[in-house]
Amino acid sequence: PFAASKDRVASVCLDKTSQSCLGKVLAEDELVANITRVCSLIREPPGDPLLVLRRALSQLGATLARFSDGTLRCCAEVVAAGSGAGDGVADEEGASAPASTALALRRLSSAVARLQRFVADGKINDGHCPFKREQQTTIGGENVRKELQNFAQHGSGLAAGKSRKAGKALAKLLRKVERADGSDPPGIPPVNWEMREAMFG
C-alpha cells in the first residue's frame, strides 16, 4: 500500500482525467527526484548525520504527503464525476474514492503525518543501546536502522524504474513509524537540536 509508484496507485482510477490530475499534483519526475535525493542524503550525509537525516526525513514526509493527499483527491474527483469504477467510500471530508485505493492512501497519509510529527518534534536519534548492545537509529522511539538503510539503498533505484523494491522498503519503514509511540529510546540521551545546529549546522 505504500509503493512509491504513482502509476500503481492510479491503476484503480483508470480514467484519463485521474491520470491528468495526478500529473498536476506531483509530476513523476519530481517524485523520483525527491526520493532519490532523500536516499542520497541518508546514505552519504554531507554534514552532521543526525541533522542531515532530520532534513531528509522532512523532505520525504512533505513529498509523500503531497502524493497521498493529492492522489486521494484525484480519485475522489473521478468517482464523483461518474467516470471511476468500483465501490466508493467516503473519506474524512466526505469525498468518495475507490475503496481499495482509499484504504491504502489513508493508511499512507496517517503514517506520513506521524513521520512528519516526529520529525518536527525532533523525535529522531542515533546511538548505541547499552541494553540491546547494538547501534540504533530511531524515529519516535522505534528502531528503524535496518529499514532506513534498505530504503536508502533501494530508493535510489527509482530513477532506473525499479519501484517494487523501493516501495517495499518504504512500506517497512512506515510500518515501523506507525508503531512508534514517540518515547525516547532507552539508554540513548535525547538530542539537543539547538546545540547541535549551533555546533554543526
N, C-alpha and C. Protein backbone atom coordinates (compact mmCIF):
# COMPACT_ATOMS: atom_id res chain seq x y z
N PRO A 1 0.81 -1.23 0.00
CA PRO A 1 0.00 0.00 0.00
C PRO A 1 0.83 1.26 0.00
N PHE A 2 2.13 1.15 0.33
CA PHE A 2 2.97 2.33 0.39
C PHE A 2 3.88 2.45 -0.83
N ALA A 3 3.65 1.65 -1.88
CA ALA A 3 4.56 1.65 -3.02
C ALA A 3 4.72 3.06 -3.57
N ALA A 4 5.97 3.46 -3.84
CA ALA A 4 6.25 4.82 -4.30
C ALA A 4 6.10 4.93 -5.81
N SER A 5 5.07 4.33 -6.37
CA SER A 5 4.84 4.39 -7.81
C SER A 5 3.47 4.99 -8.06
N LYS A 6 3.44 6.13 -8.71
CA LYS A 6 2.18 6.81 -8.97
C LYS A 6 1.27 5.97 -9.86
N ASP A 7 1.84 5.31 -10.89
CA ASP A 7 1.03 4.52 -11.81
C ASP A 7 0.35 3.37 -11.11
N ARG A 8 1.02 2.77 -10.10
CA ARG A 8 0.45 1.62 -9.40
C ARG A 8 -0.81 2.02 -8.64
N VAL A 9 -0.75 3.13 -7.94
CA VAL A 9 -1.93 3.58 -7.20
C VAL A 9 -3.01 4.03 -8.17
N ALA A 10 -2.60 4.70 -9.22
CA ALA A 10 -3.56 5.25 -10.18
C ALA A 10 -4.26 4.18 -10.99
N SER A 11 -3.74 2.96 -10.97
CA SER A 11 -4.33 1.89 -11.79
C SER A 11 -5.77 1.60 -11.38
N VAL A 12 -6.14 1.94 -10.16
CA VAL A 12 -7.53 1.74 -9.72
C VAL A 12 -8.42 2.80 -10.36
N CYS A 13 -7.88 3.94 -10.65
CA CYS A 13 -8.61 5.02 -11.31
C CYS A 13 -8.07 5.14 -12.73
N LEU A 14 -8.58 4.33 -13.64
CA LEU A 14 -8.01 4.24 -14.97
C LEU A 14 -8.41 5.38 -15.90
N ASP A 15 -9.35 6.18 -15.46
CA ASP A 15 -9.81 7.27 -16.29
C ASP A 15 -8.67 8.24 -16.60
N LYS A 16 -8.66 8.78 -17.83
CA LYS A 16 -7.59 9.70 -18.23
C LYS A 16 -7.59 10.97 -17.39
N THR A 17 -8.79 11.33 -16.90
CA THR A 17 -8.88 12.53 -16.06
C THR A 17 -8.05 12.38 -14.79
N SER A 18 -8.10 11.18 -14.19
CA SER A 18 -7.34 10.96 -12.97
C SER A 18 -5.85 11.01 -13.24
N GLN A 19 -5.42 10.46 -14.39
CA GLN A 19 -4.00 10.48 -14.74
C GLN A 19 -3.52 11.92 -14.92
N SER A 20 -4.36 12.73 -15.58
CA SER A 20 -4.01 14.13 -15.79
C SER A 20 -3.94 14.87 -14.47
N CYS A 21 -4.90 14.58 -13.58
CA CYS A 21 -4.93 15.21 -12.27
C CYS A 21 -3.68 14.88 -11.47
N LEU A 22 -3.27 13.61 -11.50
CA LEU A 22 -2.09 13.18 -10.76
C LEU A 22 -0.84 13.89 -11.24
N GLY A 23 -0.76 14.10 -12.56
CA GLY A 23 0.39 14.80 -13.11
C GLY A 23 0.51 16.22 -12.60
N LYS A 24 -0.65 16.85 -12.33
CA LYS A 24 -0.64 18.21 -11.81
C LYS A 24 -0.28 18.25 -10.33
N VAL A 25 -0.66 17.20 -9.59
CA VAL A 25 -0.38 17.15 -8.16
C VAL A 25 1.11 17.01 -7.90
N LEU A 26 1.73 16.04 -8.58
CA LEU A 26 3.15 15.79 -8.38
C LEU A 26 3.67 15.02 -9.58
N ALA A 27 4.43 15.70 -10.43
CA ALA A 27 4.97 15.05 -11.61
C ALA A 27 5.85 13.87 -11.20
N GLU A 28 5.80 12.80 -11.99
CA GLU A 28 6.55 11.60 -11.62
C GLU A 28 8.05 11.89 -11.55
N ASP A 29 8.54 12.73 -12.45
CA ASP A 29 9.96 13.08 -12.42
C ASP A 29 10.32 13.75 -11.11
N GLU A 30 9.42 14.60 -10.61
CA GLU A 30 9.67 15.29 -9.35
C GLU A 30 9.64 14.32 -8.18
N LEU A 31 8.68 13.38 -8.21
CA LEU A 31 8.58 12.37 -7.16
C LEU A 31 9.86 11.54 -7.09
N VAL A 32 10.32 11.07 -8.25
CA VAL A 32 11.53 10.25 -8.31
C VAL A 32 12.74 11.06 -7.85
N ALA A 33 12.84 12.31 -8.32
CA ALA A 33 13.98 13.16 -7.96
C ALA A 33 14.03 13.42 -6.46
N ASN A 34 12.87 13.69 -5.86
CA ASN A 34 12.83 13.97 -4.43
C ASN A 34 13.25 12.76 -3.59
N ILE A 35 12.72 11.59 -3.94
CA ILE A 35 13.04 10.38 -3.17
C ILE A 35 14.49 9.98 -3.40
N THR A 36 14.98 10.13 -4.63
CA THR A 36 16.39 9.82 -4.91
C THR A 36 17.30 10.73 -4.09
N ARG A 37 16.94 11.99 -3.99
CA ARG A 37 17.71 12.95 -3.20
C ARG A 37 17.71 12.57 -1.73
N VAL A 38 16.55 12.18 -1.20
CA VAL A 38 16.44 11.77 0.19
C VAL A 38 17.34 10.58 0.46
N CYS A 39 17.30 9.59 -0.42
CA CYS A 39 18.11 8.38 -0.24
C CYS A 39 19.60 8.70 -0.29
N SER A 40 19.97 9.61 -1.17
CA SER A 40 21.37 10.02 -1.28
C SER A 40 21.85 10.69 0.01
N LEU A 41 21.01 11.54 0.58
CA LEU A 41 21.36 12.24 1.82
C LEU A 41 21.52 11.26 2.98
N ILE A 42 20.66 10.24 3.02
CA ILE A 42 20.73 9.26 4.10
C ILE A 42 21.99 8.40 3.96
N ARG A 43 22.29 7.99 2.73
CA ARG A 43 23.46 7.12 2.50
C ARG A 43 24.77 7.85 2.74
N GLU A 44 24.86 9.07 2.22
CA GLU A 44 26.12 9.83 2.32
C GLU A 44 25.81 11.25 2.79
N PRO A 45 25.57 11.42 4.08
CA PRO A 45 25.21 12.75 4.60
C PRO A 45 26.35 13.76 4.45
N PRO A 46 26.06 14.90 3.82
CA PRO A 46 27.08 15.94 3.64
C PRO A 46 27.16 16.87 4.85
N GLY A 47 27.43 16.32 6.00
CA GLY A 47 27.45 17.09 7.23
C GLY A 47 27.12 16.20 8.41
N ASP A 48 26.67 16.81 9.49
CA ASP A 48 26.31 16.04 10.67
C ASP A 48 25.21 15.04 10.33
N PRO A 49 25.41 13.74 10.54
CA PRO A 49 24.45 12.71 10.11
C PRO A 49 23.04 12.91 10.66
N LEU A 50 22.92 13.30 11.93
CA LEU A 50 21.58 13.46 12.51
C LEU A 50 20.85 14.67 11.94
N LEU A 51 21.57 15.77 11.76
CA LEU A 51 20.94 16.96 11.19
C LEU A 51 20.50 16.70 9.75
N VAL A 52 21.37 16.02 9.01
CA VAL A 52 21.04 15.70 7.62
C VAL A 52 19.87 14.73 7.56
N LEU A 53 19.85 13.75 8.46
CA LEU A 53 18.76 12.78 8.49
C LEU A 53 17.43 13.46 8.76
N ARG A 54 17.43 14.40 9.70
CA ARG A 54 16.18 15.10 10.02
C ARG A 54 15.67 15.89 8.82
N ARG A 55 16.60 16.54 8.09
CA ARG A 55 16.20 17.30 6.91
C ARG A 55 15.72 16.38 5.80
N ALA A 56 16.39 15.25 5.65
CA ALA A 56 16.00 14.29 4.61
C ALA A 56 14.61 13.72 4.90
N LEU A 57 14.35 13.38 6.15
CA LEU A 57 13.05 12.83 6.51
C LEU A 57 11.95 13.89 6.38
N SER A 58 12.30 15.14 6.62
CA SER A 58 11.35 16.23 6.44
C SER A 58 10.95 16.34 4.97
N GLN A 59 11.94 16.23 4.08
CA GLN A 59 11.66 16.28 2.64
C GLN A 59 10.86 15.06 2.20
N LEU A 60 11.19 13.89 2.74
CA LEU A 60 10.45 12.68 2.41
C LEU A 60 8.99 12.80 2.84
N GLY A 61 8.77 13.28 4.05
CA GLY A 61 7.41 13.44 4.55
C GLY A 61 6.59 14.40 3.71
N ALA A 62 7.20 15.52 3.32
CA ALA A 62 6.49 16.51 2.51
C ALA A 62 6.13 15.94 1.13
N THR A 63 7.05 15.19 0.55
CA THR A 63 6.82 14.60 -0.77
C THR A 63 5.71 13.56 -0.72
N LEU A 64 5.76 12.68 0.27
CA LEU A 64 4.75 11.63 0.39
C LEU A 64 3.38 12.21 0.75
N ALA A 65 3.37 13.28 1.52
CA ALA A 65 2.09 13.92 1.88
C ALA A 65 1.41 14.49 0.63
N ARG A 66 2.19 15.15 -0.22
CA ARG A 66 1.63 15.69 -1.46
C ARG A 66 1.11 14.56 -2.34
N PHE A 67 1.86 13.47 -2.40
CA PHE A 67 1.49 12.33 -3.24
C PHE A 67 0.20 11.67 -2.76
N SER A 68 0.15 11.31 -1.49
CA SER A 68 -1.01 10.57 -0.98
C SER A 68 -2.27 11.43 -0.94
N ASP A 69 -2.15 12.65 -0.45
CA ASP A 69 -3.31 13.52 -0.36
C ASP A 69 -3.83 13.89 -1.75
N GLY A 70 -2.89 14.18 -2.64
CA GLY A 70 -3.29 14.56 -3.99
C GLY A 70 -3.92 13.42 -4.75
N THR A 71 -3.38 12.22 -4.59
CA THR A 71 -3.92 11.05 -5.29
C THR A 71 -5.32 10.73 -4.81
N LEU A 72 -5.55 10.83 -3.52
CA LEU A 72 -6.89 10.56 -2.99
C LEU A 72 -7.89 11.58 -3.53
N ARG A 73 -7.48 12.84 -3.60
CA ARG A 73 -8.37 13.86 -4.14
C ARG A 73 -8.70 13.60 -5.62
N CYS A 74 -7.67 13.20 -6.37
CA CYS A 74 -7.87 12.95 -7.80
C CYS A 74 -8.84 11.79 -8.03
N CYS A 75 -8.63 10.71 -7.32
CA CYS A 75 -9.52 9.56 -7.47
C CYS A 75 -10.94 9.90 -7.03
N ALA A 76 -11.05 10.70 -5.98
CA ALA A 76 -12.36 11.11 -5.50
C ALA A 76 -13.09 11.94 -6.55
N GLU A 77 -12.36 12.81 -7.23
CA GLU A 77 -12.96 13.65 -8.26
C GLU A 77 -13.48 12.82 -9.42
N VAL A 78 -12.71 11.78 -9.78
CA VAL A 78 -13.11 10.92 -10.89
C VAL A 78 -14.39 10.17 -10.55
N VAL A 79 -14.45 9.60 -9.34
CA VAL A 79 -15.63 8.84 -8.93
C VAL A 79 -16.84 9.77 -8.80
N ALA A 80 -16.62 10.95 -8.23
CA ALA A 80 -17.72 11.90 -8.05
C ALA A 80 -18.30 12.33 -9.39
N ALA A 81 -17.44 12.36 -10.41
CA ALA A 81 -17.89 12.77 -11.74
C ALA A 81 -18.54 11.62 -12.50
N GLY A 82 -18.51 10.42 -11.87
CA GLY A 82 -19.16 9.28 -12.51
C GLY A 82 -18.29 8.58 -13.52
N SER A 83 -16.99 8.90 -13.55
CA SER A 83 -16.11 8.28 -14.53
C SER A 83 -15.20 7.23 -13.93
N GLY A 84 -15.32 6.97 -12.58
CA GLY A 84 -14.48 5.94 -11.96
C GLY A 84 -15.23 4.65 -11.85
N ALA A 85 -14.47 3.59 -11.51
CA ALA A 85 -15.09 2.28 -11.39
C ALA A 85 -14.95 1.78 -9.97
N GLY A 86 -15.86 0.90 -9.55
CA GLY A 86 -15.72 0.27 -8.24
C GLY A 86 -16.56 0.96 -7.19
N ASP A 87 -16.66 0.35 -6.05
CA ASP A 87 -17.44 0.91 -4.95
C ASP A 87 -16.76 2.13 -4.38
N GLY A 88 -17.54 3.07 -3.89
CA GLY A 88 -16.99 4.27 -3.30
C GLY A 88 -16.99 4.20 -1.80
N VAL A 89 -16.12 5.00 -1.20
CA VAL A 89 -16.07 5.09 0.25
C VAL A 89 -15.73 6.52 0.62
N ALA A 90 -16.41 7.05 1.60
CA ALA A 90 -16.20 8.45 1.96
C ALA A 90 -14.94 8.61 2.78
N ASP A 91 -14.17 9.65 2.47
CA ASP A 91 -13.00 9.94 3.29
C ASP A 91 -13.43 10.85 4.43
N GLU A 92 -12.44 11.39 5.17
CA GLU A 92 -12.76 12.18 6.36
C GLU A 92 -13.53 13.44 6.02
N GLU A 93 -13.41 13.92 4.76
CA GLU A 93 -14.10 15.14 4.39
C GLU A 93 -15.34 14.84 3.55
N GLY A 94 -15.71 13.55 3.48
CA GLY A 94 -16.93 13.20 2.77
C GLY A 94 -16.75 12.92 1.29
N ALA A 95 -15.51 12.98 0.79
CA ALA A 95 -15.28 12.70 -0.62
C ALA A 95 -15.38 11.20 -0.86
N SER A 96 -15.66 10.83 -2.12
CA SER A 96 -15.78 9.42 -2.46
C SER A 96 -14.58 8.99 -3.27
N ALA A 97 -14.11 7.76 -3.04
CA ALA A 97 -12.98 7.22 -3.79
C ALA A 97 -13.08 5.71 -3.80
N PRO A 98 -12.44 5.03 -4.79
CA PRO A 98 -12.48 3.58 -4.79
C PRO A 98 -11.98 3.04 -3.47
N ALA A 99 -12.70 2.05 -2.93
CA ALA A 99 -12.42 1.60 -1.57
C ALA A 99 -10.99 1.12 -1.37
N SER A 100 -10.48 0.31 -2.29
CA SER A 100 -9.14 -0.24 -2.10
C SER A 100 -8.08 0.84 -2.13
N THR A 101 -8.23 1.80 -3.06
CA THR A 101 -7.28 2.90 -3.16
C THR A 101 -7.38 3.80 -1.94
N ALA A 102 -8.61 4.10 -1.53
CA ALA A 102 -8.82 4.98 -0.38
C ALA A 102 -8.19 4.40 0.87
N LEU A 103 -8.37 3.09 1.07
CA LEU A 103 -7.81 2.45 2.25
C LEU A 103 -6.29 2.54 2.27
N ALA A 104 -5.66 2.26 1.12
CA ALA A 104 -4.20 2.33 1.04
C ALA A 104 -3.70 3.75 1.26
N LEU A 105 -4.38 4.71 0.65
CA LEU A 105 -3.93 6.10 0.75
C LEU A 105 -4.18 6.69 2.13
N ARG A 106 -5.26 6.27 2.78
CA ARG A 106 -5.49 6.75 4.15
C ARG A 106 -4.42 6.23 5.08
N ARG A 107 -4.07 4.98 4.91
CA ARG A 107 -3.02 4.40 5.76
C ARG A 107 -1.69 5.10 5.50
N LEU A 108 -1.41 5.37 4.23
CA LEU A 108 -0.19 6.09 3.88
C LEU A 108 -0.21 7.48 4.49
N SER A 109 -1.33 8.19 4.34
CA SER A 109 -1.44 9.55 4.88
C SER A 109 -1.24 9.57 6.38
N SER A 110 -1.81 8.59 7.08
CA SER A 110 -1.68 8.51 8.53
C SER A 110 -0.23 8.28 8.95
N ALA A 111 0.44 7.36 8.26
CA ALA A 111 1.84 7.07 8.59
C ALA A 111 2.73 8.26 8.28
N VAL A 112 2.47 8.93 7.16
CA VAL A 112 3.27 10.09 6.77
C VAL A 112 3.08 11.24 7.76
N ALA A 113 1.83 11.46 8.19
CA ALA A 113 1.56 12.51 9.18
C ALA A 113 2.30 12.22 10.48
N ARG A 114 2.35 10.94 10.83
CA ARG A 114 3.06 10.54 12.05
C ARG A 114 4.56 10.80 11.89
N LEU A 115 5.09 10.45 10.72
CA LEU A 115 6.51 10.71 10.44
C LEU A 115 6.80 12.20 10.52
N GLN A 116 5.96 13.01 9.91
CA GLN A 116 6.18 14.46 9.92
C GLN A 116 6.14 15.03 11.34
N ARG A 117 5.24 14.49 12.16
CA ARG A 117 5.13 14.98 13.54
C ARG A 117 6.39 14.63 14.34
N PHE A 118 6.88 13.40 14.17
CA PHE A 118 8.10 13.00 14.88
C PHE A 118 9.29 13.84 14.44
N VAL A 119 9.38 14.12 13.14
CA VAL A 119 10.48 14.93 12.63
C VAL A 119 10.40 16.35 13.19
N ALA A 120 9.21 16.93 13.16
CA ALA A 120 9.02 18.29 13.67
C ALA A 120 9.33 18.38 15.16
N ASP A 121 8.99 17.32 15.91
CA ASP A 121 9.23 17.31 17.36
C ASP A 121 10.65 16.89 17.72
N GLY A 122 11.46 16.57 16.71
CA GLY A 122 12.84 16.15 16.98
C GLY A 122 12.96 14.77 17.58
N LYS A 123 11.96 13.91 17.33
CA LYS A 123 11.98 12.55 17.89
C LYS A 123 12.78 11.61 16.99
N ILE A 124 13.99 12.02 16.69
CA ILE A 124 14.91 11.24 15.87
C ILE A 124 16.21 11.11 16.66
N ASN A 125 16.79 9.92 16.64
CA ASN A 125 18.01 9.73 17.42
C ASN A 125 18.86 8.63 16.79
N ASP A 126 20.10 8.62 17.20
CA ASP A 126 21.03 7.59 16.74
C ASP A 126 22.08 7.40 17.82
N GLY A 127 22.33 6.15 18.16
CA GLY A 127 23.33 5.88 19.18
C GLY A 127 23.37 4.41 19.54
N HIS A 128 24.26 4.09 20.47
CA HIS A 128 24.43 2.70 20.89
C HIS A 128 23.52 2.41 22.08
N CYS A 129 22.66 1.39 21.92
CA CYS A 129 21.77 1.00 23.01
C CYS A 129 22.53 0.05 23.94
N PRO A 130 22.75 0.45 25.20
CA PRO A 130 23.50 -0.40 26.11
C PRO A 130 22.76 -1.66 26.54
N PHE A 131 21.45 -1.65 26.37
CA PHE A 131 20.64 -2.80 26.78
C PHE A 131 20.64 -3.89 25.71
N LYS A 132 20.45 -3.47 24.46
CA LYS A 132 20.46 -4.44 23.37
C LYS A 132 21.85 -4.61 22.74
N ARG A 133 22.76 -3.72 23.17
CA ARG A 133 24.14 -3.78 22.68
C ARG A 133 24.22 -3.71 21.16
N GLU A 134 23.55 -2.73 20.62
CA GLU A 134 23.57 -2.53 19.18
C GLU A 134 23.37 -1.06 18.86
N GLN A 135 23.83 -0.68 17.68
CA GLN A 135 23.64 0.68 17.20
C GLN A 135 22.21 0.82 16.69
N GLN A 136 21.54 1.89 17.12
CA GLN A 136 20.15 2.09 16.72
C GLN A 136 19.96 3.47 16.10
N THR A 137 19.07 3.53 15.13
CA THR A 137 18.58 4.80 14.60
C THR A 137 17.07 4.78 14.83
N THR A 138 16.58 5.72 15.58
CA THR A 138 15.17 5.67 15.98
C THR A 138 14.37 6.85 15.44
N ILE A 139 13.11 6.56 15.16
CA ILE A 139 12.11 7.59 14.83
C ILE A 139 10.95 7.35 15.77
N GLY A 140 10.66 8.33 16.60
CA GLY A 140 9.57 8.17 17.57
C GLY A 140 9.84 7.08 18.58
N GLY A 141 11.11 6.75 18.80
CA GLY A 141 11.47 5.71 19.76
C GLY A 141 11.58 4.32 19.16
N GLU A 142 11.17 4.16 17.92
CA GLU A 142 11.20 2.86 17.24
C GLU A 142 12.50 2.73 16.44
N ASN A 143 13.19 1.61 16.61
CA ASN A 143 14.44 1.40 15.89
C ASN A 143 14.15 1.10 14.42
N VAL A 144 14.59 2.00 13.54
CA VAL A 144 14.33 1.85 12.10
C VAL A 144 15.64 1.77 11.31
N ARG A 145 16.72 1.45 11.99
CA ARG A 145 18.04 1.48 11.34
C ARG A 145 18.09 0.60 10.09
N LYS A 146 17.64 -0.64 10.22
CA LYS A 146 17.68 -1.57 9.09
C LYS A 146 16.76 -1.11 7.97
N GLU A 147 15.54 -0.70 8.34
CA GLU A 147 14.56 -0.27 7.34
C GLU A 147 15.03 0.99 6.61
N LEU A 148 15.65 1.90 7.36
CA LEU A 148 16.15 3.15 6.78
C LEU A 148 17.27 2.87 5.79
N GLN A 149 18.18 1.96 6.15
CA GLN A 149 19.28 1.61 5.27
C GLN A 149 18.78 0.93 4.00
N ASN A 150 17.80 0.05 4.15
CA ASN A 150 17.23 -0.63 2.98
C ASN A 150 16.54 0.36 2.04
N PHE A 151 15.80 1.30 2.63
CA PHE A 151 15.12 2.30 1.82
C PHE A 151 16.13 3.18 1.08
N ALA A 152 17.18 3.59 1.79
CA ALA A 152 18.20 4.43 1.17
C ALA A 152 18.89 3.70 0.02
N GLN A 153 19.03 2.40 0.16
CA GLN A 153 19.68 1.60 -0.88
C GLN A 153 18.76 1.40 -2.09
N HIS A 154 17.53 0.97 -1.84
CA HIS A 154 16.64 0.64 -2.95
C HIS A 154 15.92 1.85 -3.53
N GLY A 155 15.74 2.89 -2.72
CA GLY A 155 15.04 4.07 -3.22
C GLY A 155 15.76 4.74 -4.36
N SER A 156 17.08 4.60 -4.39
CA SER A 156 17.84 5.20 -5.48
C SER A 156 17.55 4.51 -6.81
N GLY A 157 16.98 3.32 -6.76
CA GLY A 157 16.66 2.59 -7.98
C GLY A 157 15.44 3.10 -8.70
N LEU A 158 14.71 4.04 -8.11
CA LEU A 158 13.52 4.59 -8.76
C LEU A 158 13.85 5.21 -10.10
N ALA A 159 15.01 5.88 -10.16
CA ALA A 159 15.40 6.54 -11.40
C ALA A 159 15.60 5.53 -12.53
N ALA A 160 15.92 4.28 -12.17
CA ALA A 160 16.12 3.23 -13.16
C ALA A 160 14.84 2.41 -13.36
N GLY A 161 13.73 2.87 -12.81
CA GLY A 161 12.46 2.19 -12.98
C GLY A 161 12.24 1.02 -12.03
N LYS A 162 13.07 0.90 -11.01
CA LYS A 162 12.95 -0.22 -10.06
C LYS A 162 12.13 0.22 -8.86
N SER A 163 10.81 0.32 -9.05
CA SER A 163 9.96 0.86 -8.00
C SER A 163 9.50 -0.20 -6.99
N ARG A 164 9.51 -1.48 -7.38
CA ARG A 164 8.98 -2.52 -6.50
C ARG A 164 9.78 -2.61 -5.19
N LYS A 165 11.10 -2.72 -5.30
CA LYS A 165 11.92 -2.84 -4.09
C LYS A 165 11.88 -1.56 -3.27
N ALA A 166 11.85 -0.43 -3.96
CA ALA A 166 11.77 0.85 -3.26
C ALA A 166 10.46 0.95 -2.48
N GLY A 167 9.36 0.52 -3.10
CA GLY A 167 8.06 0.56 -2.45
C GLY A 167 8.00 -0.33 -1.23
N LYS A 168 8.56 -1.54 -1.36
CA LYS A 168 8.57 -2.47 -0.23
C LYS A 168 9.42 -1.93 0.92
N ALA A 169 10.56 -1.36 0.58
CA ALA A 169 11.44 -0.81 1.61
C ALA A 169 10.78 0.36 2.33
N LEU A 170 10.09 1.20 1.58
CA LEU A 170 9.38 2.34 2.17
C LEU A 170 8.23 1.85 3.05
N ALA A 171 7.54 0.81 2.59
CA ALA A 171 6.43 0.26 3.36
C ALA A 171 6.90 -0.24 4.72
N LYS A 172 8.03 -0.95 4.75
CA LYS A 172 8.55 -1.47 6.02
C LYS A 172 8.95 -0.34 6.95
N LEU A 173 9.53 0.71 6.39
CA LEU A 173 9.93 1.86 7.20
C LEU A 173 8.70 2.54 7.81
N LEU A 174 7.67 2.76 7.01
CA LEU A 174 6.48 3.45 7.50
C LEU A 174 5.67 2.60 8.47
N ARG A 175 5.72 1.28 8.31
CA ARG A 175 5.04 0.42 9.29
C ARG A 175 5.70 0.55 10.66
N LYS A 176 7.03 0.69 10.68
CA LYS A 176 7.72 0.90 11.94
C LYS A 176 7.32 2.25 12.55
N VAL A 177 7.21 3.26 11.70
CA VAL A 177 6.80 4.59 12.18
C VAL A 177 5.39 4.54 12.75
N GLU A 178 4.51 3.75 12.13
CA GLU A 178 3.14 3.59 12.63
C GLU A 178 3.14 3.05 14.06
N ARG A 179 4.07 2.15 14.35
CA ARG A 179 4.10 1.51 15.67
C ARG A 179 4.80 2.37 16.73
N ALA A 180 5.52 3.37 16.31
CA ALA A 180 6.28 4.21 17.24
C ALA A 180 5.34 4.97 18.18
N ASP A 181 5.75 5.09 19.44
CA ASP A 181 4.90 5.78 20.42
C ASP A 181 5.44 7.16 20.81
N GLY A 182 6.56 7.55 20.20
CA GLY A 182 7.09 8.88 20.46
C GLY A 182 7.98 8.99 21.69
N SER A 183 8.23 7.88 22.35
CA SER A 183 9.08 7.91 23.54
C SER A 183 10.56 7.95 23.16
N ASP A 184 11.39 8.40 24.08
CA ASP A 184 12.82 8.41 23.85
C ASP A 184 13.36 6.99 23.98
N PRO A 185 14.28 6.59 23.10
CA PRO A 185 14.83 5.23 23.18
C PRO A 185 15.60 5.05 24.49
N PRO A 186 15.42 3.94 25.18
CA PRO A 186 16.12 3.72 26.44
C PRO A 186 17.63 3.62 26.26
N GLY A 187 18.35 4.30 27.15
CA GLY A 187 19.80 4.22 27.12
C GLY A 187 20.47 5.18 26.17
N ILE A 188 19.69 5.92 25.36
CA ILE A 188 20.26 6.89 24.41
C ILE A 188 19.74 8.28 24.77
N PRO A 189 20.62 9.21 25.15
CA PRO A 189 20.18 10.56 25.54
C PRO A 189 19.44 11.26 24.41
N PRO A 190 18.38 12.03 24.73
CA PRO A 190 17.68 12.80 23.70
C PRO A 190 18.62 13.80 23.03
N VAL A 191 18.34 14.13 21.78
CA VAL A 191 19.19 15.06 21.03
C VAL A 191 18.84 16.50 21.41
N ASN A 192 19.86 17.28 21.70
CA ASN A 192 19.68 18.72 21.91
C ASN A 192 19.86 19.38 20.54
N TRP A 193 18.74 19.60 19.85
CA TRP A 193 18.81 20.06 18.47
C TRP A 193 19.36 21.47 18.35
N GLU A 194 19.05 22.34 19.29
CA GLU A 194 19.56 23.72 19.22
C GLU A 194 21.07 23.74 19.34
N MET A 195 21.60 22.96 20.26
CA MET A 195 23.04 22.89 20.43
C MET A 195 23.71 22.25 19.21
N ARG A 196 23.06 21.22 18.68
CA ARG A 196 23.63 20.52 17.54
C ARG A 196 23.65 21.43 16.31
N GLU A 197 22.58 22.19 16.12
CA GLU A 197 22.53 23.14 15.00
C GLU A 197 23.63 24.18 15.16
N ALA A 198 23.83 24.67 16.40
CA ALA A 198 24.85 25.69 16.65
C ALA A 198 26.26 25.16 16.38
N MET A 199 26.46 23.90 16.68
CA MET A 199 27.81 23.31 16.54
C MET A 199 28.09 22.82 15.12
N PHE A 200 27.08 22.20 14.50
CA PHE A 200 27.35 21.55 13.21
C PHE A 200 26.50 22.07 12.05
N GLY A 201 25.47 22.86 12.38
CA GLY A 201 24.58 23.31 11.32
C GLY A 201 25.20 24.36 10.43
